[in-house]
Amino acid sequence: YSYTTTTVSEPDMAAILPGLLIGGLIGLAFGLVINYVLTHKVYEK
């Protein structure tokens, strides 16, 4: 067996991290909006 490992360099991580954070926040906001649209009628009833 032979294994090769790769590491992400600091400049690469600095380039990836903002995209991950922004994508996560957009996903969270999208999930909250979908949850609201699906459930708000129960509260009104």
ModelCIF file with pLDDT and N, C-alpha, C, O atoms, coordinates in Angstrom:
data_MODEL
#
_entry.id   MODEL 
#
_entity.id                         1 
_entity.type                       polymer 
_entity.pdbx_number_of_molecules   1 
#
_entity_poly.entity_id                      1 
_entity_poly.type                           'polypeptide(L)' 
_entity_poly.nstd_linkage                   no 
_entity_poly.nstd_monomer                   no 
_entity_poly.pdbx_seq_one_letter_code       YSYTTTTVSEPDMAAILPGLLIGGLIGLAFGLVINYVLTHKVYEK 
_entity_poly.pdbx_seq_one_letter_code_can   YSYTTTTVSEPDMAAILPGLLIGGLIGLAFGLVINYVLTHKVYEK 
_entity_poly.pdbx_strand_id                 A 
#
loop_
_entity_poly_seq.entity_id 
_entity_poly_seq.num 
_entity_poly_seq.mon_id 
_entity_poly_seq.hetero 
1 1  TYR n 
1 2  SER n 
1 3  TYR n 
1 4  THR n 
1 5  THR n 
1 6  THR n 
1 7  THR n 
1 8  VAL n 
1 9  SER n 
1 10 GLU n 
1 11 PRO n 
1 12 ASP n 
1 13 MET n 
1 14 ALA n 
1 15 ALA n 
1 16 ILE n 
1 17 LEU n 
1 18 PRO n 
1 19 GLY n 
1 20 LEU n 
1 21 LEU n 
1 22 ILE n 
1 23 GLY n 
1 24 GLY n 
1 25 LEU n 
1 26 ILE n 
1 27 GLY n 
1 28 LEU n 
1 29 ALA n 
1 30 PHE n 
1 31 GLY n 
1 32 LEU n 
1 33 VAL n 
1 34 ILE n 
1 35 ASN n 
1 36 TYR n 
1 37 VAL n 
1 38 LEU n 
1 39 THR n 
1 40 HIS n 
1 41 LYS n 
1 42 VAL n 
1 43 TYR n 
1 44 GLU n 
1 45 LYS n 
#
_struct_asym.id          A 
_struct_asym.entity_id   1 
#
loop_
_ma_qa_metric.id 
_ma_qa_metric.mode 
_ma_qa_metric.name 
_ma_qa_metric.software_group_id 
_ma_qa_metric.type 
1 global pLDDT . pLDDT 
2 local  pLDDT . pLDDT 
#
_ma_qa_metric_global.metric_id      1 
_ma_qa_metric_global.metric_value   89.62 
_ma_qa_metric_global.model_id       1 
_ma_qa_metric_global.ordinal_id     1 
#
loop_
_ma_qa_metric_local.label_asym_id 
_ma_qa_metric_local.label_comp_id 
_ma_qa_metric_local.label_seq_id 
_ma_qa_metric_local.metric_id 
_ma_qa_metric_local.metric_value 
_ma_qa_metric_local.model_id 
_ma_qa_metric_local.ordinal_id 
A TYR 1  2 85.00 1 1  
A SER 2  2 84.00 1 2  
A TYR 3  2 83.00 1 3  
A THR 4  2 84.00 1 4  
A THR 5  2 83.00 1 5  
A THR 6  2 82.00 1 6  
A THR 7  2 85.00 1 7  
A VAL 8  2 81.00 1 8  
A SER 9  2 85.00 1 9  
A GLU 10 2 86.00 1 10 
A PRO 11 2 86.00 1 11 
A ASP 12 2 84.00 1 12 
A MET 13 2 85.00 1 13 
A ALA 14 2 87.00 1 14 
A ALA 15 2 87.00 1 15 
A ILE 16 2 90.00 1 16 
A LEU 17 2 91.00 1 17 
A PRO 18 2 92.00 1 18 
A GLY 19 2 91.00 1 19 
A LEU 20 2 93.00 1 20 
A LEU 21 2 95.00 1 21 
A ILE 22 2 95.00 1 22 
A GLY 23 2 95.00 1 23 
A GLY 24 2 95.00 1 24 
A LEU 25 2 96.00 1 25 
A ILE 26 2 97.00 1 26 
A GLY 27 2 96.00 1 27 
A LEU 28 2 93.00 1 28 
A ALA 29 2 92.00 1 29 
A PHE 30 2 94.00 1 30 
A GLY 31 2 90.00 1 31 
A LEU 32 2 86.00 1 32 
A VAL 33 2 90.00 1 33 
A ILE 34 2 91.00 1 34 
A ASN 35 2 88.00 1 35 
A TYR 36 2 91.00 1 36 
A VAL 37 2 90.00 1 37 
A LEU 38 2 89.00 1 38 
A THR 39 2 90.00 1 39 
A HIS 40 2 92.00 1 40 
A LYS 41 2 92.00 1 41 
A VAL 42 2 93.00 1 42 
A TYR 43 2 93.00 1 43 
A GLU 44 2 93.00 1 44 
A LYS 45 2 93.00 1 45 
#
loop_
_atom_site.group_PDB 
_atom_site.id 
_atom_site.type_symbol 
_atom_site.label_atom_id 
_atom_site.label_alt_id 
_atom_site.label_comp_id 
_atom_site.label_asym_id 
_atom_site.label_entity_id 
_atom_site.label_seq_id 
_atom_site.pdbx_PDB_ins_code 
_atom_site.Cartn_x 
_atom_site.Cartn_y 
_atom_site.Cartn_z 
_atom_site.occupancy 
_atom_site.B_iso_or_equiv 
_atom_site.pdbx_formal_charge 
_atom_site.auth_seq_id 
_atom_site.auth_comp_id 
_atom_site.auth_asym_id 
_atom_site.auth_atom_id 
_atom_site.pdbx_PDB_model_num 
ATOM 1   N N  . TYR A 1 1  ? 0.847   -1.191 0.000  1.00 85.00 ? 1  TYR A N  1 
ATOM 2   C CA . TYR A 1 1  ? 0.000   0.000  0.000  1.00 85.00 ? 1  TYR A CA 1 
ATOM 3   C C  . TYR A 1 1  ? 0.877   1.234  0.000  1.00 85.00 ? 1  TYR A C  1 
ATOM 4   O O  . TYR A 1 1  ? 1.909   1.291  0.669  1.00 85.00 ? 1  TYR A O  1 
ATOM 5   N N  . SER A 1 2  ? 0.455   2.189  -0.742 1.00 84.00 ? 2  SER A N  1 
ATOM 6   C CA . SER A 1 2  ? 1.156   3.473  -0.688 1.00 84.00 ? 2  SER A CA 1 
ATOM 7   C C  . SER A 1 2  ? 0.104   4.565  -0.542 1.00 84.00 ? 2  SER A C  1 
ATOM 8   O O  . SER A 1 2  ? -0.958  4.524  -1.163 1.00 84.00 ? 2  SER A O  1 
ATOM 9   N N  . TYR A 1 3  ? 0.419   5.502  0.263  1.00 83.00 ? 3  TYR A N  1 
ATOM 10  C CA . TYR A 1 3  ? -0.496  6.597  0.539  1.00 83.00 ? 3  TYR A CA 1 
ATOM 11  C C  . TYR A 1 3  ? 0.159   7.907  0.154  1.00 83.00 ? 3  TYR A C  1 
ATOM 12  O O  . TYR A 1 3  ? 1.351   8.116  0.379  1.00 83.00 ? 3  TYR A O  1 
ATOM 13  N N  . THR A 1 4  ? -0.619  8.760  -0.415 1.00 84.00 ? 4  THR A N  1 
ATOM 14  C CA . THR A 1 4  ? -0.128  10.108 -0.673 1.00 84.00 ? 4  THR A CA 1 
ATOM 15  C C  . THR A 1 4  ? -1.061  11.076 0.034  1.00 84.00 ? 4  THR A C  1 
ATOM 16  O O  . THR A 1 4  ? -2.282  10.919 0.010  1.00 84.00 ? 4  THR A O  1 
ATOM 17  N N  . THR A 1 5  ? -0.491  12.034 0.636  1.00 83.00 ? 5  THR A N  1 
ATOM 18  C CA . THR A 1 5  ? -1.293  13.035 1.335  1.00 83.00 ? 5  THR A CA 1 
ATOM 19  C C  . THR A 1 5  ? -1.028  14.395 0.710  1.00 83.00 ? 5  THR A C  1 
ATOM 20  O O  . THR A 1 5  ? 0.078   14.698 0.264  1.00 83.00 ? 5  THR A O  1 
ATOM 21  N N  . THR A 1 6  ? -2.044  15.172 0.696  1.00 82.00 ? 6  THR A N  1 
ATOM 22  C CA . THR A 1 6  ? -1.886  16.538 0.218  1.00 82.00 ? 6  THR A CA 1 
ATOM 23  C C  . THR A 1 6  ? -2.338  17.474 1.318  1.00 82.00 ? 6  THR A C  1 
ATOM 24  O O  . THR A 1 6  ? -3.265  17.176 2.071  1.00 82.00 ? 6  THR A O  1 
ATOM 25  N N  . THR A 1 7  ? -1.701  18.556 1.395  1.00 85.00 ? 7  THR A N  1 
ATOM 26  C CA . THR A 1 7  ? -2.079  19.564 2.372  1.00 85.00 ? 7  THR A CA 1 
ATOM 27  C C  . THR A 1 7  ? -2.475  20.828 1.633  1.00 85.00 ? 7  THR A C  1 
ATOM 28  O O  . THR A 1 7  ? -1.976  21.121 0.546  1.00 85.00 ? 7  THR A O  1 
ATOM 29  N N  . VAL A 1 8  ? -3.358  21.548 2.232  1.00 81.00 ? 8  VAL A N  1 
ATOM 30  C CA . VAL A 1 8  ? -3.795  22.815 1.661  1.00 81.00 ? 8  VAL A CA 1 
ATOM 31  C C  . VAL A 1 8  ? -2.912  23.901 2.249  1.00 81.00 ? 8  VAL A C  1 
ATOM 32  O O  . VAL A 1 8  ? -2.803  24.043 3.467  1.00 81.00 ? 8  VAL A O  1 
ATOM 33  N N  . SER A 1 9  ? -2.302  24.641 1.394  1.00 85.00 ? 9  SER A N  1 
ATOM 34  C CA . SER A 1 9  ? -1.410  25.697 1.862  1.00 85.00 ? 9  SER A CA 1 
ATOM 35  C C  . SER A 1 9  ? -2.220  26.853 2.444  1.00 85.00 ? 9  SER A C  1 
ATOM 36  O O  . SER A 1 9  ? -3.423  26.963 2.209  1.00 85.00 ? 9  SER A O  1 
ATOM 37  N N  . GLU A 1 10 ? -1.552  27.701 3.196  1.00 86.00 ? 10 GLU A N  1 
ATOM 38  C CA . GLU A 1 10 ? -2.226  28.833 3.812  1.00 86.00 ? 10 GLU A CA 1 
ATOM 39  C C  . GLU A 1 10 ? -2.821  29.795 2.786  1.00 86.00 ? 10 GLU A C  1 
ATOM 40  O O  . GLU A 1 10 ? -3.939  30.267 2.995  1.00 86.00 ? 10 GLU A O  1 
ATOM 41  N N  . PRO A 1 11 ? -2.136  30.107 1.699  1.00 86.00 ? 11 PRO A N  1 
ATOM 42  C CA . PRO A 1 11 ? -2.776  30.987 0.711  1.00 86.00 ? 11 PRO A CA 1 
ATOM 43  C C  . PRO A 1 11 ? -4.016  30.352 0.073  1.00 86.00 ? 11 PRO A C  1 
ATOM 44  O O  . PRO A 1 11 ? -5.001  31.036 -0.203 1.00 86.00 ? 11 PRO A O  1 
ATOM 45  N N  . ASP A 1 12 ? -3.952  29.031 -0.159 1.00 84.00 ? 12 ASP A N  1 
ATOM 46  C CA . ASP A 1 12 ? -5.129  28.366 -0.713 1.00 84.00 ? 12 ASP A CA 1 
ATOM 47  C C  . ASP A 1 12 ? -6.290  28.395 0.282  1.00 84.00 ? 12 ASP A C  1 
ATOM 48  O O  . ASP A 1 12 ? -7.438  28.621 -0.101 1.00 84.00 ? 12 ASP A O  1 
ATOM 49  N N  . MET A 1 13 ? -5.987  28.168 1.544  1.00 85.00 ? 13 MET A N  1 
ATOM 50  C CA . MET A 1 13 ? -7.026  28.191 2.573  1.00 85.00 ? 13 MET A CA 1 
ATOM 51  C C  . MET A 1 13 ? -7.617  29.594 2.697  1.00 85.00 ? 13 MET A C  1 
ATOM 52  O O  . MET A 1 13 ? -8.823  29.750 2.888  1.00 85.00 ? 13 MET A O  1 
ATOM 53  N N  . ALA A 1 14 ? -6.773  30.602 2.589  1.00 87.00 ? 14 ALA A N  1 
ATOM 54  C CA . ALA A 1 14 ? -7.254  31.977 2.662  1.00 87.00 ? 14 ALA A CA 1 
ATOM 55  C C  . ALA A 1 14 ? -8.175  32.300 1.494  1.00 87.00 ? 14 ALA A C  1 
ATOM 56  O O  . ALA A 1 14 ? -9.068  33.139 1.615  1.00 87.00 ? 14 ALA A O  1 
ATOM 57  N N  . ALA A 1 15 ? -7.961  31.640 0.370  1.00 87.00 ? 15 ALA A N  1 
ATOM 58  C CA . ALA A 1 15 ? -8.829  31.865 -0.790 1.00 87.00 ? 15 ALA A CA 1 
ATOM 59  C C  . ALA A 1 15 ? -10.131 31.082 -0.676 1.00 87.00 ? 15 ALA A C  1 
ATOM 60  O O  . ALA A 1 15 ? -11.165 31.533 -1.167 1.00 87.00 ? 15 ALA A O  1 
ATOM 61  N N  . ILE A 1 16 ? -10.096 29.920 -0.039 1.00 90.00 ? 16 ILE A N  1 
ATOM 62  C CA . ILE A 1 16 ? -11.270 29.045 0.060  1.00 90.00 ? 16 ILE A CA 1 
ATOM 63  C C  . ILE A 1 16 ? -12.209 29.482 1.189  1.00 90.00 ? 16 ILE A C  1 
ATOM 64  O O  . ILE A 1 16 ? -13.429 29.438 1.033  1.00 90.00 ? 16 ILE A O  1 
ATOM 65  N N  . LEU A 1 17 ? -11.654 29.895 2.302  1.00 91.00 ? 17 LEU A N  1 
ATOM 66  C CA . LEU A 1 17 ? -12.445 30.163 3.507  1.00 91.00 ? 17 LEU A CA 1 
ATOM 67  C C  . LEU A 1 17 ? -13.546 31.201 3.319  1.00 91.00 ? 17 LEU A C  1 
ATOM 68  O O  . LEU A 1 17 ? -14.666 30.945 3.760  1.00 91.00 ? 17 LEU A O  1 
ATOM 69  N N  . PRO A 1 18 ? -13.308 32.354 2.694  1.00 92.00 ? 18 PRO A N  1 
ATOM 70  C CA . PRO A 1 18 ? -14.420 33.305 2.515  1.00 92.00 ? 18 PRO A CA 1 
ATOM 71  C C  . PRO A 1 18 ? -15.573 32.729 1.700  1.00 92.00 ? 18 PRO A C  1 
ATOM 72  O O  . PRO A 1 18 ? -16.740 32.998 1.989  1.00 92.00 ? 18 PRO A O  1 
ATOM 73  N N  . GLY A 1 19 ? -15.246 31.944 0.691  1.00 91.00 ? 19 GLY A N  1 
ATOM 74  C CA . GLY A 1 19 ? -16.307 31.321 -0.100 1.00 91.00 ? 19 GLY A CA 1 
ATOM 75  C C  . GLY A 1 19 ? -17.131 30.346 0.725  1.00 91.00 ? 19 GLY A C  1 
ATOM 76  O O  . GLY A 1 19 ? -18.352 30.277 0.586  1.00 91.00 ? 19 GLY A O  1 
ATOM 77  N N  . LEU A 1 20 ? -16.449 29.586 1.590  1.00 93.00 ? 20 LEU A N  1 
ATOM 78  C CA . LEU A 1 20 ? -17.175 28.659 2.458  1.00 93.00 ? 20 LEU A CA 1 
ATOM 79  C C  . LEU A 1 20 ? -18.073 29.404 3.438  1.00 93.00 ? 20 LEU A C  1 
ATOM 80  O O  . LEU A 1 20 ? -19.211 29.000 3.673  1.00 93.00 ? 20 LEU A O  1 
ATOM 81  N N  . LEU A 1 21 ? -17.568 30.480 4.002  1.00 95.00 ? 21 LEU A N  1 
ATOM 82  C CA . LEU A 1 21 ? -18.372 31.248 4.955  1.00 95.00 ? 21 LEU A CA 1 
ATOM 83  C C  . LEU A 1 21 ? -19.574 31.906 4.275  1.00 95.00 ? 21 LEU A C  1 
ATOM 84  O O  . LEU A 1 21 ? -20.692 31.842 4.786  1.00 95.00 ? 21 LEU A O  1 
ATOM 85  N N  . ILE A 1 22 ? -19.344 32.529 3.138  1.00 95.00 ? 22 ILE A N  1 
ATOM 86  C CA . ILE A 1 22 ? -20.449 33.189 2.425  1.00 95.00 ? 22 ILE A CA 1 
ATOM 87  C C  . ILE A 1 22 ? -21.462 32.156 1.954  1.00 95.00 ? 22 ILE A C  1 
ATOM 88  O O  . ILE A 1 22 ? -22.670 32.366 2.067  1.00 95.00 ? 22 ILE A O  1 
ATOM 89  N N  . GLY A 1 23 ? -20.968 31.035 1.423  1.00 95.00 ? 23 GLY A N  1 
ATOM 90  C CA . GLY A 1 23 ? -21.877 29.965 0.988  1.00 95.00 ? 23 GLY A CA 1 
ATOM 91  C C  . GLY A 1 23 ? -22.693 29.405 2.141  1.00 95.00 ? 23 GLY A C  1 
ATOM 92  O O  . GLY A 1 23 ? -23.878 29.110 1.989  1.00 95.00 ? 23 GLY A O  1 
ATOM 93  N N  . GLY A 1 24 ? -22.050 29.262 3.298  1.00 95.00 ? 24 GLY A N  1 
ATOM 94  C CA . GLY A 1 24 ? -22.769 28.778 4.473  1.00 95.00 ? 24 GLY A CA 1 
ATOM 95  C C  . GLY A 1 24 ? -23.849 29.742 4.924  1.00 95.00 ? 24 GLY A C  1 
ATOM 96  O O  . GLY A 1 24 ? -24.953 29.322 5.271  1.00 95.00 ? 24 GLY A O  1 
ATOM 97  N N  . LEU A 1 25 ? -23.541 31.029 4.923  1.00 96.00 ? 25 LEU A N  1 
ATOM 98  C CA . LEU A 1 25 ? -24.534 32.030 5.323  1.00 96.00 ? 25 LEU A CA 1 
ATOM 99  C C  . LEU A 1 25 ? -25.690 32.102 4.338  1.00 96.00 ? 25 LEU A C  1 
ATOM 100 O O  . LEU A 1 25 ? -26.844 32.251 4.740  1.00 96.00 ? 25 LEU A O  1 
ATOM 101 N N  . ILE A 1 26 ? -25.385 31.998 3.053  1.00 97.00 ? 26 ILE A N  1 
ATOM 102 C CA . ILE A 1 26 ? -26.454 31.992 2.048  1.00 97.00 ? 26 ILE A CA 1 
ATOM 103 C C  . ILE A 1 26 ? -27.336 30.760 2.221  1.00 97.00 ? 26 ILE A C  1 
ATOM 104 O O  . ILE A 1 26 ? -28.560 30.845 2.122  1.00 97.00 ? 26 ILE A O  1 
ATOM 105 N N  . GLY A 1 27 ? -26.705 29.611 2.481  1.00 96.00 ? 27 GLY A N  1 
ATOM 106 C CA . GLY A 1 27 ? -27.468 28.384 2.714  1.00 96.00 ? 27 GLY A CA 1 
ATOM 107 C C  . GLY A 1 27 ? -28.347 28.483 3.947  1.00 96.00 ? 27 GLY A C  1 
ATOM 108 O O  . GLY A 1 27 ? -29.490 28.027 3.939  1.00 96.00 ? 27 GLY A O  1 
ATOM 109 N N  . LEU A 1 28 ? -27.816 29.076 5.005  1.00 93.00 ? 28 LEU A N  1 
ATOM 110 C CA . LEU A 1 28 ? -28.597 29.259 6.231  1.00 93.00 ? 28 LEU A CA 1 
ATOM 111 C C  . LEU A 1 28 ? -29.787 30.183 5.985  1.00 93.00 ? 28 LEU A C  1 
ATOM 112 O O  . LEU A 1 28 ? -30.903 29.884 6.410  1.00 93.00 ? 28 LEU A O  1 
ATOM 113 N N  . ALA A 1 29 ? -29.558 31.296 5.307  1.00 92.00 ? 29 ALA A N  1 
ATOM 114 C CA . ALA A 1 29 ? -30.651 32.228 5.006  1.00 92.00 ? 29 ALA A CA 1 
ATOM 115 C C  . ALA A 1 29 ? -31.704 31.559 4.126  1.00 92.00 ? 29 ALA A C  1 
ATOM 116 O O  . ALA A 1 29 ? -32.902 31.728 4.352  1.00 92.00 ? 29 ALA A O  1 
ATOM 117 N N  . PHE A 1 30 ? -31.266 30.808 3.135  1.00 94.00 ? 30 PHE A N  1 
ATOM 118 C CA . PHE A 1 30 ? -32.192 30.098 2.255  1.00 94.00 ? 30 PHE A CA 1 
ATOM 119 C C  . PHE A 1 30 ? -33.018 29.086 3.055  1.00 94.00 ? 30 PHE A C  1 
ATOM 120 O O  . PHE A 1 30 ? -34.227 28.974 2.852  1.00 94.00 ? 30 PHE A O  1 
ATOM 121 N N  . GLY A 1 31 ? -32.372 28.353 3.959  1.00 90.00 ? 31 GLY A N  1 
ATOM 122 C CA . GLY A 1 31 ? -33.081 27.385 4.789  1.00 90.00 ? 31 GLY A CA 1 
ATOM 123 C C  . GLY A 1 31 ? -34.109 28.044 5.696  1.00 90.00 ? 31 GLY A C  1 
ATOM 124 O O  . GLY A 1 31 ? -35.207 27.516 5.876  1.00 90.00 ? 31 GLY A O  1 
ATOM 125 N N  . LEU A 1 32 ? -33.764 29.195 6.270  1.00 86.00 ? 32 LEU A N  1 
ATOM 126 C CA . LEU A 1 32 ? -34.709 29.914 7.131  1.00 86.00 ? 32 LEU A CA 1 
ATOM 127 C C  . LEU A 1 32 ? -35.915 30.412 6.348  1.00 86.00 ? 32 LEU A C  1 
ATOM 128 O O  . LEU A 1 32 ? -37.043 30.354 6.839  1.00 86.00 ? 32 LEU A O  1 
ATOM 129 N N  . VAL A 1 33 ? -35.686 30.899 5.141  1.00 90.00 ? 33 VAL A N  1 
ATOM 130 C CA . VAL A 1 33 ? -36.793 31.382 4.313  1.00 90.00 ? 33 VAL A CA 1 
ATOM 131 C C  . VAL A 1 33 ? -37.713 30.227 3.934  1.00 90.00 ? 33 VAL A C  1 
ATOM 132 O O  . VAL A 1 33 ? -38.935 30.355 4.011  1.00 90.00 ? 33 VAL A O  1 
ATOM 133 N N  . ILE A 1 34 ? -37.136 29.107 3.527  1.00 91.00 ? 34 ILE A N  1 
ATOM 134 C CA . ILE A 1 34 ? -37.948 27.931 3.173  1.00 91.00 ? 34 ILE A CA 1 
ATOM 135 C C  . ILE A 1 34 ? -38.741 27.450 4.388  1.00 91.00 ? 34 ILE A C  1 
ATOM 136 O O  . ILE A 1 34 ? -39.928 27.144 4.275  1.00 91.00 ? 34 ILE A O  1 
ATOM 137 N N  . ASN A 1 35 ? -38.087 27.382 5.549  1.00 88.00 ? 35 ASN A N  1 
ATOM 138 C CA . ASN A 1 35 ? -38.777 26.956 6.769  1.00 88.00 ? 35 ASN A CA 1 
ATOM 139 C C  . ASN A 1 35 ? -39.929 27.904 7.092  1.00 88.00 ? 35 ASN A C  1 
ATOM 140 O O  . ASN A 1 35 ? -41.010 27.452 7.468  1.00 88.00 ? 35 ASN A O  1 
ATOM 141 N N  . TYR A 1 36 ? -39.714 29.206 6.951  1.00 91.00 ? 36 TYR A N  1 
ATOM 142 C CA . TYR A 1 36 ? -40.774 30.175 7.224  1.00 91.00 ? 36 TYR A CA 1 
ATOM 143 C C  . TYR A 1 36 ? -41.946 29.995 6.267  1.00 91.00 ? 36 TYR A C  1 
ATOM 144 O O  . TYR A 1 36 ? -43.101 29.972 6.691  1.00 91.00 ? 36 TYR A O  1 
ATOM 145 N N  . VAL A 1 37 ? -41.651 29.869 4.986  1.00 90.00 ? 37 VAL A N  1 
ATOM 146 C CA . VAL A 1 37 ? -42.712 29.710 3.981  1.00 90.00 ? 37 VAL A CA 1 
ATOM 147 C C  . VAL A 1 37 ? -43.529 28.461 4.262  1.00 90.00 ? 37 VAL A C  1 
ATOM 148 O O  . VAL A 1 37 ? -44.747 28.458 4.082  1.00 90.00 ? 37 VAL A O  1 
ATOM 149 N N  . LEU A 1 38 ? -42.862 27.393 4.704  1.00 89.00 ? 38 LEU A N  1 
ATOM 150 C CA . LEU A 1 38 ? -43.567 26.134 4.932  1.00 89.00 ? 38 LEU A CA 1 
ATOM 151 C C  . LEU A 1 38 ? -44.383 26.124 6.222  1.00 89.00 ? 38 LEU A C  1 
ATOM 152 O O  . LEU A 1 38 ? -45.389 25.419 6.304  1.00 89.00 ? 38 LEU A O  1 
ATOM 153 N N  . THR A 1 39 ? -43.971 26.889 7.229  1.00 90.00 ? 39 THR A N  1 
ATOM 154 C CA . THR A 1 39 ? -44.605 26.742 8.541  1.00 90.00 ? 39 THR A CA 1 
ATOM 155 C C  . THR A 1 39 ? -45.454 27.919 9.020  1.00 90.00 ? 39 THR A C  1 
ATOM 156 O O  . THR A 1 39 ? -46.192 27.766 9.993  1.00 90.00 ? 39 THR A O  1 
ATOM 157 N N  . HIS A 1 40 ? -45.379 29.061 8.391  1.00 92.00 ? 40 HIS A N  1 
ATOM 158 C CA . HIS A 1 40 ? -46.072 30.216 8.959  1.00 92.00 ? 40 HIS A CA 1 
ATOM 159 C C  . HIS A 1 40 ? -47.593 30.063 8.973  1.00 92.00 ? 40 HIS A C  1 
ATOM 160 O O  . HIS A 1 40 ? -48.252 30.682 9.808  1.00 92.00 ? 40 HIS A O  1 
ATOM 161 N N  . LYS A 1 41 ? -48.158 29.277 8.096  1.00 92.00 ? 41 LYS A N  1 
ATOM 162 C CA . LYS A 1 41 ? -49.623 29.098 8.062  1.00 92.00 ? 41 LYS A CA 1 
ATOM 163 C C  . LYS A 1 41 ? -50.136 28.394 9.314  1.00 92.00 ? 41 LYS A C  1 
ATOM 164 O O  . LYS A 1 41 ? -51.258 28.645 9.754  1.00 92.00 ? 41 LYS A O  1 
ATOM 165 N N  . VAL A 1 42 ? -49.314 27.508 9.892  1.00 93.00 ? 42 VAL A N  1 
ATOM 166 C CA . VAL A 1 42 ? -49.734 26.821 11.116 1.00 93.00 ? 42 VAL A CA 1 
ATOM 167 C C  . VAL A 1 42 ? -49.940 27.842 12.229 1.00 93.00 ? 42 VAL A C  1 
ATOM 168 O O  . VAL A 1 42 ? -50.909 27.765 12.983 1.00 93.00 ? 42 VAL A O  1 
ATOM 169 N N  . TYR A 1 43 ? -49.029 28.790 12.325 1.00 93.00 ? 43 TYR A N  1 
ATOM 170 C CA . TYR A 1 43 ? -49.145 29.821 13.354 1.00 93.00 ? 43 TYR A CA 1 
ATOM 171 C C  . TYR A 1 43 ? -50.384 30.683 13.121 1.00 93.00 ? 43 TYR A C  1 
ATOM 172 O O  . TYR A 1 43 ? -51.092 31.033 14.065 1.00 93.00 ? 43 TYR A O  1 
ATOM 173 N N  . GLU A 1 44 ? -50.636 31.018 11.868 1.00 93.00 ? 44 GLU A N  1 
ATOM 174 C CA . GLU A 1 44 ? -51.815 31.822 11.562 1.00 93.00 ? 44 GLU A CA 1 
ATOM 175 C C  . GLU A 1 44 ? -53.101 31.069 11.867 1.00 93.00 ? 44 GLU A C  1 
ATOM 176 O O  . GLU A 1 44 ? -54.051 31.658 12.381 1.00 93.00 ? 44 GLU A O  1 
ATOM 177 N N  . LYS A 1 45 ? -53.146 29.772 11.557 1.00 93.00 ? 45 LYS A N  1 
ATOM 178 C CA . LYS A 1 45 ? -54.341 28.983 11.882 1.00 93.00 ? 45 LYS A CA 1 
ATOM 179 C C  . LYS A 1 45 ? -54.544 28.895 13.387 1.00 93.00 ? 45 LYS A C  1 
ATOM 180 O O  . LYS A 1 45 ? -55.500 28.269 13.845 1.00 93.00 ? 45 LYS A O  1 
#
